[in-house]
PDB file of N, CA and C in Angstrom:
ATOM      1  N   MET A   1       0.887  -1.118  -0.060  1.00  0.00           N
ATOM      2  CA  MET A   1       0.033   0.028   0.251  1.00  0.00           C
ATOM      3  C   MET A   1       0.861   1.504   0.034  1.00  0.00           C
ATOM      4  N   ASP A   2       0.297   2.362  -0.763  1.00  0.00           N
ATOM      5  CA  ASP A   2       1.305   3.510  -0.904  1.00  0.00           C
ATOM      6  C   ASP A   2      -0.059   4.470   0.230  1.00  0.00           C
ATOM      7  N   LEU A   3       0.427   4.987   1.603  1.00  0.00           N
ATOM      8  CA  LEU A   3       0.010   5.610   2.375  1.00  0.00           C
ATOM      9  C   LEU A   3      -0.487   6.901   1.878  1.00  0.00           C
ATOM     10  N   ARG A   4       0.527   7.279   1.103  1.00  0.00           N
ATOM     11  CA  ARG A   4       0.207   8.606   0.688  1.00  0.00           C
ATOM     12  C   ARG A   4      -0.726   8.924  -0.175  1.00  0.00           C
ATOM     13  N   GLU A   5      -0.699   7.955  -0.995  1.00  0.00           N
ATOM     14  CA  GLU A   5      -1.711   7.777  -2.092  1.00  0.00           C
ATOM     15  C   GLU A   5      -3.378   7.594  -1.639  1.00  0.00           C
ATOM     16  N   TYR A   6      -3.086   6.862  -0.999  1.00  0.00           N
ATOM     17  CA  TYR A   6      -4.811   6.720   0.184  1.00  0.00           C
ATOM     18  C   TYR A   6      -4.900   7.504   0.746  1.00  0.00           C
ATOM     19  N   LEU A   7      -4.033   8.503   1.453  1.00  0.00           N
ATOM     20  CA  LEU A   7      -4.679   9.640   2.076  1.00  0.00           C
ATOM     21  C   LEU A   7      -5.001  10.638   1.279  1.00  0.00           C
ATOM     22  N   ALA A   8      -4.445  11.067  -0.013  1.00  0.00           N
ATOM     23  CA  ALA A   8      -4.589  11.918  -0.893  1.00  0.00           C
ATOM     24  C   ALA A   8      -6.001  11.314  -1.885  1.00  0.00           C
ATOM     25  N   ARG A   9      -6.036  10.147  -2.429  1.00  0.00           N
ATOM     26  CA  ARG A   9      -7.047   9.729  -3.392  1.00  0.00           C
ATOM     27  C   ARG A   9      -8.152   9.343  -2.530  1.00  0.00           C
ATOM     28  N   TYR A  10      -8.488   8.243  -1.489  1.00  0.00           N
ATOM     29  CA  TYR A  10      -9.608   7.953  -1.174  1.00  0.00           C
ATOM     30  C   TYR A  10     -10.397   8.906  -0.974  1.00  0.00           C
ATOM     31  N   PRO A  11     -10.212   9.860   0.117  1.00  0.00           N
ATOM     32  CA  PRO A  11     -11.319  10.767   0.391  1.00  0.00           C
ATOM     33  C   PRO A  11     -11.831  11.474  -0.844  1.00  0.00           C
ATOM     34  N   HIS A  12     -11.320  12.148  -1.725  1.00  0.00           N
ATOM     35  CA  HIS A  12     -11.486  12.178  -2.988  1.00  0.00           C
ATOM     36  C   HIS A  12     -12.505  11.075  -4.104  1.00  0.00           C
ATOM     37  N   ASP A  13     -11.840   9.964  -3.970  1.00  0.00           N
ATOM     38  CA  ASP A  13     -12.498   9.250  -4.706  1.00  0.00           C
ATOM     39  C   ASP A  13     -14.080   8.583  -4.184  1.00  0.00           C
ATOM     40  N   VAL A  14     -13.864   8.428  -2.952  1.00  0.00           N
ATOM     41  CA  VAL A  14     -15.036   7.924  -1.981  1.00  0.00           C
ATOM     42  C   VAL A  14     -16.209   8.969  -2.376  1.00  0.00           C
ATOM     43  N   ALA A  15     -15.807  10.246  -2.040  1.00  0.00           N
ATOM     44  CA  ALA A  15     -16.544  11.178  -2.193  1.00  0.00           C
ATOM     45  C   ALA A  15     -17.119  11.663  -3.328  1.00  0.00           C
ATOM     46  N   PHE A  16     -16.460  11.521  -4.329  1.00  0.00           N
ATOM     47  CA  PHE A  16     -16.819  12.423  -5.895  1.00  0.00           C
ATOM     48  C   PHE A  16     -16.299  11.867  -6.887  1.00  0.00           C
ATOM     49  N   GLY A  17     -15.814  10.442  -6.816  1.00  0.00           N
ATOM     50  CA  GLY A  17     -15.514   9.647  -7.671  1.00  0.00           C
ATOM     51  C   GLY A  17     -16.822   8.972  -8.753  1.00  0.00           C
ATOM     52  N   GLU A  18     -16.843   8.625  -9.997  1.00  0.00           N
ATOM     53  CA  GLU A  18     -17.748   8.100 -10.446  1.00  0.00           C
ATOM     54  C   GLU A  18     -18.090   6.596 -10.213  1.00  0.00           C
ATOM     55  N   GLU A  19     -17.151   5.808  -9.447  1.00  0.00           N
ATOM     56  CA  GLU A  19     -17.367   4.428  -8.822  1.00  0.00           C
ATOM     57  C   GLU A  19     -18.365   4.580  -7.810  1.00  0.00           C
ATOM     58  N   ASP A  20     -19.185   3.472  -7.534  1.00  0.00           N
ATOM     59  CA  ASP A  20     -19.925   3.404  -6.141  1.00  0.00           C
ATOM     60  C   ASP A  20     -18.888   3.331  -5.318  1.00  0.00           C
ATOM     61  N   PRO A  21     -19.423   3.937  -3.935  1.00  0.00           N
ATOM     62  CA  PRO A  21     -18.624   4.411  -2.949  1.00  0.00           C
ATOM     63  C   PRO A  21     -18.325   2.813  -2.165  1.00  0.00           C
ATOM     64  N   GLU A  22     -18.839   2.010  -2.405  1.00  0.00           N
ATOM     65  CA  GLU A  22     -18.492   0.414  -1.920  1.00  0.00           C
ATOM     66  C   GLU A  22     -17.470  -0.130  -2.575  1.00  0.00           C
ATOM     67  N   ALA A  23     -17.294   0.194  -4.130  1.00  0.00           N
ATOM     68  CA  ALA A  23     -16.247  -0.235  -4.734  1.00  0.00           C
ATOM     69  C   ALA A  23     -14.749   0.465  -4.353  1.00  0.00           C
ATOM     70  N   VAL A  24     -14.835   1.768  -3.961  1.00  0.00           N
ATOM     71  CA  VAL A  24     -13.823   2.371  -3.729  1.00  0.00           C
ATOM     72  C   VAL A  24     -13.299   1.786  -2.357  1.00  0.00           C
ATOM     73  N   PHE A  25     -14.345   1.795  -1.546  1.00  0.00           N
ATOM     74  CA  PHE A  25     -14.162   1.344   0.109  1.00  0.00           C
ATOM     75  C   PHE A  25     -13.432  -0.118   0.108  1.00  0.00           C
ATOM     76  N   ASP A  26     -13.884  -1.041  -0.811  1.00  0.00           N
ATOM     77  CA  ASP A  26     -13.338  -2.259  -0.565  1.00  0.00           C
ATOM     78  C   ASP A  26     -11.661  -2.468  -1.318  1.00  0.00           C
ATOM     79  N   ARG A  27     -11.661  -1.381  -2.148  1.00  0.00           N
ATOM     80  CA  ARG A  27     -10.052  -1.365  -3.009  1.00  0.00           C
ATOM     81  C   ARG A  27      -9.305  -1.364  -1.871  1.00  0.00           C
ATOM     82  N   TYR A  28      -9.548  -0.405  -0.723  1.00  0.00           N
ATOM     83  CA  TYR A  28      -8.469   0.188  -0.053  1.00  0.00           C
ATOM     84  C   TYR A  28      -8.816  -0.621   1.338  1.00  0.00           C
ATOM     85  N   HIS A  29      -9.699  -1.101   1.514  1.00  0.00           N
ATOM     86  CA  HIS A  29      -9.885  -1.954   3.056  1.00  0.00           C
ATOM     87  C   HIS A  29     -10.339  -3.289   2.957  1.00  0.00           C
ATOM     88  N   ALA A  30      -9.547  -4.021   3.557  1.00  0.00           N
ATOM     89  CA  ALA A  30      -9.654  -5.473   3.909  1.00  0.00           C
ATOM     90  C   ALA A  30     -11.512  -5.721   4.430  1.00  0.00           C
ATOM     91  N   PRO A  31     -11.428  -7.179   4.381  1.00  0.00           N
ATOM     92  CA  PRO A  31     -13.094  -7.324   4.802  1.00  0.00           C
ATOM     93  C   PRO A  31     -12.861  -7.417   6.416  1.00  0.00           C
ATOM     94  N   GLY A  32     -13.839  -7.128   7.295  1.00  0.00           N
ATOM     95  CA  GLY A  32     -13.661  -6.656   8.552  1.00  0.00           C
ATOM     96  C   GLY A  32     -12.919  -5.453   9.236  1.00  0.00           C
ATOM     97  N   PHE A  33     -12.519  -4.487   7.997  1.00  0.00           N
ATOM     98  CA  PHE A  33     -12.223  -3.413   8.518  1.00  0.00           C
ATOM     99  C   PHE A  33     -13.080  -2.498   9.666  1.00  0.00           C
ATOM    100  N   VAL A  34     -12.018  -1.791  10.621  1.00  0.00           N
ATOM    101  CA  VAL A  34     -12.809  -0.871  11.735  1.00  0.00           C
ATOM    102  C   VAL A  34     -11.957   0.046  11.751  1.00  0.00           C
ATOM    103  N   LEU A  35     -12.684   1.208  12.069  1.00  0.00           N
ATOM    104  CA  LEU A  35     -12.095   2.645  12.207  1.00  0.00           C
ATOM    105  C   LEU A  35     -12.582   2.681  13.442  1.00  0.00           C
ATOM    106  N   TYR A  36     -11.552   3.345  14.469  1.00  0.00           N
ATOM    107  CA  TYR A  36     -11.981   3.679  15.723  1.00  0.00           C
ATOM    108  C   TYR A  36     -11.577   5.007  15.614  1.00  0.00           C
ATOM    109  N   ASN A  37     -12.554   6.036  15.546  1.00  0.00           N
ATOM    110  CA  ASN A  37     -12.305   7.639  15.200  1.00  0.00           C
ATOM    111  C   ASN A  37     -12.832   8.610  16.654  1.00  0.00           C
ATOM    112  N   ASP A  38     -11.788   8.784  17.248  1.00  0.00           N
ATOM    113  CA  ASP A  38     -11.942   9.673  18.453  1.00  0.00           C
ATOM    114  C   ASP A  38     -12.722   8.423  19.526  1.00  0.00           C
ATOM    115  N   GLY A  39     -12.488   7.122  19.231  1.00  0.00           N
ATOM    116  CA  GLY A  39     -12.953   6.164  20.596  1.00  0.00           C
ATOM    117  C   GLY A  39     -14.427   5.766  20.115  1.00  0.00           C
ATOM    118  N   VAL A  40     -14.945   6.440  18.871  1.00  0.00           N
ATOM    119  CA  VAL A  40     -16.146   6.025  18.005  1.00  0.00           C
ATOM    120  C   VAL A  40     -15.995   4.472  17.113  1.00  0.00           C
ATOM    121  N   VAL A  41     -16.400   3.582  17.425  1.00  0.00           N
ATOM    122  CA  VAL A  41     -16.298   2.637  16.402  1.00  0.00           C
ATOM    123  C   VAL A  41     -17.277   2.658  15.052  1.00  0.00           C
ATOM    124  N   LEU A  42     -16.295   2.587  14.002  1.00  0.00           N
ATOM    125  CA  LEU A  42     -16.964   2.510  12.451  1.00  0.00           C
ATOM    126  C   LEU A  42     -16.644   1.213  11.864  1.00  0.00           C
ATOM    127  N   ASP A  43     -17.746   0.678  11.311  1.00  0.00           N
ATOM    128  CA  ASP A  43     -17.421  -0.586  10.171  1.00  0.00           C
ATOM    129  C   ASP A  43     -17.726   0.209   8.870  1.00  0.00           C
ATOM    130  N   ARG A  44     -17.435  -0.973   7.941  1.00  0.00           N
ATOM    131  CA  ARG A  44     -18.025  -0.583   6.904  1.00  0.00           C
ATOM    132  C   ARG A  44     -19.344  -0.043   6.500  1.00  0.00           C
ATOM    133  N   GLU A  45     -20.385  -0.287   7.195  1.00  0.00           N
ATOM    134  CA  GLU A  45     -21.638  -0.237   6.947  1.00  0.00           C
ATOM    135  C   GLU A  45     -21.562   1.104   7.575  1.00  0.00           C
ATOM    136  N   ARG A  46     -21.181   1.703   8.677  1.00  0.00           N
ATOM    137  CA  ARG A  46     -21.395   2.631   9.165  1.00  0.00           C
ATOM    138  C   ARG A  46     -20.613   4.128   8.326  1.00  0.00           C
ATOM    139  N   LEU A  47     -19.573   3.533   8.049  1.00  0.00           N
ATOM    140  CA  LEU A  47     -18.298   4.523   7.027  1.00  0.00           C
ATOM    141  C   LEU A  47     -18.958   4.616   5.915  1.00  0.00           C
ATOM    142  N   LEU A  48     -19.649   3.630   5.345  1.00  0.00           N
ATOM    143  CA  LEU A  48     -20.229   4.396   3.904  1.00  0.00           C
ATOM    144  C   LEU A  48     -21.953   4.931   3.880  1.00  0.00           C
ATOM    145  N   ALA A  49     -22.529   4.665   5.343  1.00  0.00           N
ATOM    146  CA  ALA A  49     -23.230   5.405   5.607  1.00  0.00           C
ATOM    147  C   ALA A  49     -23.052   6.999   5.815  1.00  0.00           C
ATOM    148  N   HIS A  50     -21.969   7.219   6.291  1.00  0.00           N
ATOM    149  CA  HIS A  50     -21.338   8.674   6.467  1.00  0.00           C
ATOM    150  C   HIS A  50     -21.179   9.087   5.045  1.00  0.00           C
ATOM    151  N   VAL A  51     -20.774   8.416   4.218  1.00  0.00           N
ATOM    152  CA  VAL A  51     -20.335   9.068   2.851  1.00  0.00           C
ATOM    153  C   VAL A  51     -21.671   9.582   1.907  1.00  0.00           C
ATOM    154  N   ARG A  52     -22.468   8.690   1.693  1.00  0.00           N
ATOM    155  CA  ARG A  52     -23.706   9.317   1.434  1.00  0.00           C
ATOM    156  C   ARG A  52     -24.023  10.425   1.309  1.00  0.00           C
ATOM    157  N   PRO A  53     -24.446  11.120   2.248  1.00  0.00           N
ATOM    158  CA  PRO A  53     -25.016  12.759   2.677  1.00  0.00           C
ATOM    159  C   PRO A  53     -23.543  13.227   2.456  1.00  0.00           C
ATOM    160  N   ALA A  54     -22.097  12.929   2.757  1.00  0.00           N
ATOM    161  CA  ALA A  54     -21.065  14.047   2.215  1.00  0.00           C
ATOM    162  C   ALA A  54     -21.046  13.870   1.096  1.00  0.00           C
ATOM    163  N   ARG A  55     -21.375  13.253   0.200  1.00  0.00           N
ATOM    164  CA  ARG A  55     -21.701  13.375  -1.083  1.00  0.00           C
ATOM    165  C   ARG A  55     -22.248  14.520  -1.786  1.00  0.00           C
ATOM    166  N   LYS A  56     -23.484  14.469  -0.926  1.00  0.00           N
ATOM    167  CA  LYS A  56     -24.419  15.668  -1.348  1.00  0.00           C
ATOM    168  C   LYS A  56     -23.952  16.964  -0.742  1.00  0.00           C
ATOM    169  N   ARG A  57     -23.146  17.282   0.418  1.00  0.00           N
ATOM    170  CA  ARG A  57     -23.189  18.421   0.893  1.00  0.00           C
ATOM    171  C   ARG A  57     -21.539  19.058   0.769  1.00  0.00           C
ATOM    172  N   ALA A  58     -20.676  18.080   0.469  1.00  0.00           N
ATOM    173  CA  ALA A  58     -19.361  18.752  -0.062  1.00  0.00           C
ATOM    174  C   ALA A  58     -19.211  18.860  -1.576  1.00  0.00           C
ATOM    175  N   VAL A  59     -18.475  20.047  -1.880  1.00  0.00           N
ATOM    176  CA  VAL A  59     -18.006  20.050  -3.403  1.00  0.00           C
ATOM    177  C   VAL A  59     -16.416  19.721  -3.691  1.00  0.00           C
ATOM    178  N   SER A  60     -15.505  19.673  -2.609  1.00  0.00           N
ATOM    179  CA  SER A  60     -14.501  19.547  -2.869  1.00  0.00           C
ATOM    180  C   SER A  60     -13.892  19.035  -1.543  1.00  0.00           C
ATOM    181  N   VAL A  61     -12.697  18.047  -1.401  1.00  0.00           N
ATOM    182  CA  VAL A  61     -11.979  17.805  -0.216  1.00  0.00           C
ATOM    183  C   VAL A  61     -10.188  17.801  -0.600  1.00  0.00           C
ATOM    184  N   HIS A  62      -9.760  18.347   0.228  1.00  0.00           N
ATOM    185  CA  HIS A  62      -7.985  18.558  -0.207  1.00  0.00           C
ATOM    186  C   HIS A  62      -7.472  18.065   1.318  1.00  0.00           C
ATOM    187  N   THR A  63      -6.376  16.941   0.863  1.00  0.00           N
ATOM    188  CA  THR A  63      -5.344  16.594   1.855  1.00  0.00           C
ATOM    189  C   THR A  63      -4.175  17.233   2.094  1.00  0.00           C
ATOM    190  N   GLU A  64      -3.600  17.337   2.892  1.00  0.00           N
ATOM    191  CA  GLU A  64      -2.423  17.728   3.121  1.00  0.00           C
ATOM    192  C   GLU A  64      -1.581  16.973   4.247  1.00  0.00           C
ATOM    193  N   ILE A  65      -0.892  16.195   3.348  1.00  0.00           N
ATOM    194  CA  ILE A  65      -0.016  14.984   4.447  1.00  0.00           C
ATOM    195  C   ILE A  65       1.294  15.858   4.773  1.00  0.00           C
ATOM    196  N   HIS A  66       1.540  15.789   6.181  1.00  0.00           N
ATOM    197  CA  HIS A  66       2.635  16.244   7.053  1.00  0.00           C
ATOM    198  C   HIS A  66       3.575  14.897   7.165  1.00  0.00           C
ATOM    199  N   ASP A  67       2.841  13.995   7.373  1.00  0.00           N
ATOM    200  CA  ASP A  67       3.627  12.808   7.988  1.00  0.00           C
ATOM    201  C   ASP A  67       2.997  11.490   7.465  1.00  0.00           C
ATOM    202  N   ALA A  68       4.079  10.313   6.955  1.00  0.00           N
ATOM    203  CA  ALA A  68       3.158   9.243   6.765  1.00  0.00           C
ATOM    204  C   ALA A  68       4.497   8.024   6.640  1.00  0.00           C
ATOM    205  N   LEU A  69       4.113   6.879   7.223  1.00  0.00           N
ATOM    206  CA  LEU A  69       5.054   5.843   7.555  1.00  0.00           C
ATOM    207  C   LEU A  69       4.428   4.886   7.599  1.00  0.00           C
ATOM    208  N   ILE A  70       5.039   3.635   6.820  1.00  0.00           N
ATOM    209  CA  ILE A  70       4.852   2.481   6.569  1.00  0.00           C
ATOM    210  C   ILE A  70       5.948   1.567   7.353  1.00  0.00           C
ATOM    211  N   ALA A  71       5.749   0.655   8.084  1.00  0.00           N
ATOM    212  CA  ALA A  71       6.755  -0.030   9.046  1.00  0.00           C
ATOM    213  C   ALA A  71       6.272  -1.534   9.135  1.00  0.00           C
ATOM    214  N   GLY A  72       6.455  -2.438   8.066  1.00  0.00           N
ATOM    215  CA  GLY A  72       5.946  -3.753   8.105  1.00  0.00           C
ATOM    216  C   GLY A  72       4.651  -3.658   7.773  1.00  0.00           C
ATOM    217  N   ASP A  73       3.592  -4.041   8.965  1.00  0.00           N
ATOM    218  CA  ASP A  73       1.956  -3.939   8.571  1.00  0.00           C
ATOM    219  C   ASP A  73       1.466  -2.940   9.484  1.00  0.00           C
ATOM    220  N   ARG A  74       2.272  -1.777   9.773  1.00  0.00           N
ATOM    221  CA  ARG A  74       1.853  -0.902  10.740  1.00  0.00           C
ATOM    222  C   ARG A  74       1.966   0.403   9.880  1.00  0.00           C
ATOM    223  N   VAL A  75       1.014   1.408   9.808  1.00  0.00           N
ATOM    224  CA  VAL A  75       0.871   2.609   9.485  1.00  0.00           C
ATOM    225  C   VAL A  75       0.756   3.582  10.499  1.00  0.00           C
ATOM    226  N   ALA A  76       1.566   5.106   9.889  1.00  0.00           N
ATOM    227  CA  ALA A  76       0.928   6.007  10.732  1.00  0.00           C
ATOM    228  C   ALA A  76       1.170   7.148  10.043  1.00  0.00           C
ATOM    229  N   ALA A  77       0.515   8.310  10.318  1.00  0.00           N
ATOM    230  CA  ALA A  77      -0.028   9.623   9.344  1.00  0.00           C
ATOM    231  C   ALA A  77      -0.304  10.499  10.241  1.00  0.00           C
ATOM    232  N   ARG A  78      -0.012  11.861   9.818  1.00  0.00           N
ATOM    233  CA  ARG A  78       0.045  13.039  10.690  1.00  0.00           C
ATOM    234  C   ARG A  78      -0.638  13.902   9.648  1.00  0.00           C
ATOM    235  N   TYR A  79      -2.004  14.506   8.945  1.00  0.00           N
ATOM    236  CA  TYR A  79      -2.368  14.991   7.867  1.00  0.00           C
ATOM    237  C   TYR A  79      -3.800  15.764   8.195  1.00  0.00           C
ATOM    238  N   THR A  80      -3.616  16.968   7.374  1.00  0.00           N
ATOM    239  CA  THR A  80      -4.972  17.885   7.803  1.00  0.00           C
ATOM    240  C   THR A  80      -5.844  17.551   6.685  1.00  0.00           C
ATOM    241  N   LEU A  81      -7.147  17.498   6.658  1.00  0.00           N
ATOM    242  CA  LEU A  81      -8.335  16.975   5.502  1.00  0.00           C
ATOM    243  C   LEU A  81      -9.114  18.422   5.549  1.00  0.00           C
ATOM    244  N   THR A  82      -9.227  19.009   4.481  1.00  0.00           N
ATOM    245  CA  THR A  82     -10.409  20.112   4.533  1.00  0.00           C
ATOM    246  C   THR A  82     -11.312  19.824   3.168  1.00  0.00           C
ATOM    247  N   ALA A  83     -12.664  20.063   3.723  1.00  0.00           N
ATOM    248  CA  ALA A  83     -13.676  19.707   2.868  1.00  0.00           C
ATOM    249  C   ALA A  83     -14.671  21.075   2.744  1.00  0.00           C
ATOM    250  N   VAL A  84     -14.808  21.621   1.605  1.00  0.00           N
ATOM    251  CA  VAL A  84     -15.550  22.907   1.220  1.00  0.00           C
ATOM    252  C   VAL A  84     -16.784  22.260   0.932  1.00  0.00           C
ATOM    253  N   MET A  85     -17.700  22.996   1.720  1.00  0.00           N
ATOM    254  CA  MET A  85     -19.034  22.809   1.418  1.00  0.00           C
ATOM    255  C   MET A  85     -20.123  23.450   0.314  1.00  0.00           C
ATOM    256  N   ARG A  86     -20.764  22.921   0.176  1.00  0.00           N
ATOM    257  CA  ARG A  86     -21.780  23.588  -0.976  1.00  0.00           C
ATOM    258  C   ARG A  86     -22.317  25.220  -0.687  1.00  0.00           C
ATOM    259  N   ARG A  87     -22.632  25.464   0.829  1.00  0.00           N
ATOM    260  CA  ARG A  87     -22.920  26.491   1.388  1.00  0.00           C
ATOM    261  C   ARG A  87     -21.610  27.798   1.336  1.00  0.00           C
ATOM    262  N   GLY A  88     -20.372  27.289   1.326  1.00  0.00           N
ATOM    263  CA  GLY A  88     -19.336  27.896   0.809  1.00  0.00           C
ATOM    264  C   GLY A  88     -18.444  27.900   2.043  1.00  0.00           C
ATOM    265  N   ASP A  89     -18.808  27.026   3.089  1.00  0.00           N
ATOM    266  CA  ASP A  89     -17.974  27.286   4.315  1.00  0.00           C
ATOM    267  C   ASP A  89     -16.927  25.765   4.472  1.00  0.00           C
ATOM    268  N   SER A  90     -15.944  25.892   5.199  1.00  0.00           N
ATOM    269  CA  SER A  90     -14.849  24.815   5.114  1.00  0.00           C
ATOM    270  C   SER A  90     -14.756  24.361   6.514  1.00  0.00           C
ATOM    271  N   ILE A  91     -14.526  23.097   6.475  1.00  0.00           N
ATOM    272  CA  ILE A  91     -14.072  22.084   7.399  1.00  0.00           C
ATOM    273  C   ILE A  91     -12.767  21.458   7.473  1.00  0.00           C
ATOM    274  N   THR A  92     -12.144  21.920   8.435  1.00  0.00           N
ATOM    275  CA  THR A  92     -10.915  21.398   8.471  1.00  0.00           C
ATOM    276  C   THR A  92     -10.405  20.922   9.346  1.00  0.00           C
ATOM    277  N   THR A  93      -9.768  19.323   9.298  1.00  0.00           N
ATOM    278  CA  THR A  93      -9.701  18.698  10.725  1.00  0.00           C
ATOM    279  C   THR A  93      -8.212  18.355  10.207  1.00  0.00           C
ATOM    280  N   GLU A  94      -7.245  18.195  11.452  1.00  0.00           N
ATOM    281  CA  GLU A  94      -6.036  17.583  11.843  1.00  0.00           C
ATOM    282  C   GLU A  94      -6.294  16.229  12.194  1.00  0.00           C
ATOM    283  N   ILE A  95      -5.647  14.969  11.293  1.00  0.00           N
ATOM    284  CA  ILE A  95      -6.356  13.764  11.978  1.00  0.00           C
ATOM    285  C   ILE A  95      -4.333  13.016  12.112  1.00  0.00           C
ATOM    286  N   PHE A  96      -4.772  12.437  13.010  1.00  0.00           N
ATOM    287  CA  PHE A  96      -3.485  11.638  13.445  1.00  0.00           C
ATOM    288  C   PHE A  96      -4.122  10.048  13.654  1.00  0.00           C
ATOM    289  N   LEU A  97      -3.323   9.486  12.718  1.00  0.00           N
ATOM    290  CA  LEU A  97      -3.516   7.821  12.429  1.00  0.00           C
ATOM    291  C   LEU A  97      -2.406   6.856  12.718  1.00  0.00           C
ATOM    292  N   PHE A  98      -3.101   5.826  12.893  1.00  0.00           N
ATOM    293  CA  PHE A  98      -2.296   4.500  13.174  1.00  0.00           C
ATOM    294  C   PHE A  98      -3.289   3.615  13.178  1.00  0.00           C
ATOM    295  N   GLY A  99      -2.461   2.486  12.041  1.00  0.00           N
ATOM    296  CA  GLY A  99      -3.392   1.597  11.570  1.00  0.00           C
ATOM    297  C   GLY A  99      -2.270   0.097  11.190  1.00  0.00           C
ATOM    298  N   GLU A 100      -3.229  -0.942  10.950  1.00  0.00           N
ATOM    299  CA  GLU A 100      -2.629  -2.183  10.831  1.00  0.00           C
ATOM    300  C   GLU A 100      -3.113  -2.547   9.308  1.00  0.00           C
ATOM    301  N   LEU A 101      -2.213  -3.041   8.774  1.00  0.00           N
ATOM    302  CA  LEU A 101      -2.453  -3.769   7.400  1.00  0.00           C
ATOM    303  C   LEU A 101      -2.677  -5.338   7.423  1.00  0.00           C
ATOM    304  N   ALA A 102      -3.751  -5.420   6.451  1.00  0.00           N
ATOM    305  CA  ALA A 102      -3.892  -7.061   6.075  1.00  0.00           C
ATOM    306  C   ALA A 102      -2.806  -7.615   5.163  1.00  0.00           C
ATOM    307  N   GLN A 103      -2.546  -8.658   5.019  1.00  0.00           N
ATOM    308  CA  GLN A 103      -1.806  -9.583   4.441  1.00  0.00           C
ATOM    309  C   GLN A 103      -1.691  -9.193   3.210  1.00  0.00           C
ATOM    310  N   ASP A 104      -3.301  -8.691   2.459  1.00  0.00           N
ATOM    311  CA  ASP A 104      -2.912  -8.457   1.030  1.00  0.00           C
ATOM    312  C   ASP A 104      -2.857  -7.038   0.957  1.00  0.00           C
ATOM    313  N   GLY A 105      -2.081  -6.253   1.937  1.00  0.00           N
ATOM    314  CA  GLY A 105      -1.764  -5.352   1.760  1.00  0.00           C
ATOM    315  C   GLY A 105      -2.969  -3.896   2.089  1.00  0.00           C
ATOM    316  N   ARG A 106      -4.003  -4.067   2.020  1.00  0.00           N
ATOM    317  CA  ARG A 106      -5.386  -3.299   2.446  1.00  0.00           C
ATOM    318  C   ARG A 106      -5.368  -2.754   3.893  1.00  0.00           C
ATOM    319  N   LEU A 107      -5.942  -1.716   4.398  1.00  0.00           N
ATOM    320  CA  LEU A 107      -6.035  -1.601   5.742  1.00  0.00           C
ATOM    321  C   LEU A 107      -7.069  -2.266   6.362  1.00  0.00           C
ATOM    322  N   GLN A 108      -6.279  -3.067   7.788  1.00  0.00           N
ATOM    323  CA  GLN A 108      -7.139  -4.089   8.437  1.00  0.00           C
ATOM    324  C   GLN A 108      -8.141  -3.066   9.636  1.00  0.00           C
ATOM    325  N   ARG A 109      -7.380  -2.383   9.830  1.00  0.00           N
ATOM    326  CA  ARG A 109      -7.820  -1.390  11.339  1.00  0.00           C
ATOM    327  C   ARG A 109      -7.012  -0.236  11.091  1.00  0.00           C
ATOM    328  N   LEU A 110      -7.752   0.936  11.892  1.00  0.00           N
ATOM    329  CA  LEU A 110      -7.674   2.469  11.942  1.00  0.00           C
ATOM    330  C   LEU A 110      -7.605   2.821  13.148  1.00  0.00           C
ATOM    331  N   ASP A 111      -6.733   3.407  13.644  1.00  0.00           N
ATOM    332  CA  ASP A 111      -7.136   4.309  15.088  1.00  0.00           C
ATOM    333  C   ASP A 111      -6.993   5.688  14.605  1.00  0.00           C
ATOM    334  N   GLN A 112      -7.699   6.551  14.866  1.00  0.00           N
ATOM    335  CA  GLN A 112      -7.671   8.050  14.698  1.00  0.00           C
ATOM    336  C   GLN A 112      -8.055   9.019  15.601  1.00  0.00           C
ATOM    337  N   LEU A 113      -7.196   9.998  15.890  1.00  0.00           N
ATOM    338  CA  LEU A 113      -7.526  11.430  16.704  1.00  0.00           C
ATOM    339  C   LEU A 113      -7.527  12.174  16.015  1.00  0.00           C
ATOM    340  N   THR A 114      -8.679  13.164  16.310  1.00  0.00           N
ATOM    341  CA  THR A 114      -8.858  14.721  15.481  1.00  0.00           C
ATOM    342  C   THR A 114      -9.052  15.575  16.004  1.00  0.00           C
ATOM    343  N   ARG A 115      -9.012  16.668  15.739  1.00  0.00           N
ATOM    344  CA  ARG A 115      -9.169  17.882  16.338  1.00  0.00           C
ATOM    345  C   ARG A 115      -9.456  19.099  15.219  1.00  0.00           C
ATOM    346  N   ALA A 116     -10.208  19.709  15.301  1.00  0.00           N
ATOM    347  CA  ALA A 116     -10.480  21.238  14.625  1.00  0.00           C
ATOM    348  C   ALA A 116      -8.932  21.701  14.077  1.00  0.00           C
ATOM    349  N   ALA A 117      -8.950  22.149  12.822  1.00  0.00           N
ATOM    350  CA  ALA A 117      -7.503  22.739  12.666  1.00  0.00           C
ATOM    351  C   ALA A 117      -8.048  24.379  12.573  1.00  0.00           C
TER     352      ALA A 117
END
């Protein structure tokens, strides 16, 4: 897996791509993937449910990657995600990510801490 590519492409592809969000999600995430975001557990279904309304409310998303590391089956990153909304406002979030890769190289688990930037 190319972690920098994932961080840059996945948010855009899942929110604005022409493919179904499910296909985009499955390309990057292994079966059974779980995200722990600020202590909230999000599985595939909950994450995809979050994407559908985001497709209607946002007009663009940009990722600024500050640090990204892969060591064996572990990943870590610090990045800023900015979403521009249809009403003209922006939401900017700094994200600290730690994760584990499945044997096939897709993400198996992510733990994220976020804060408004």
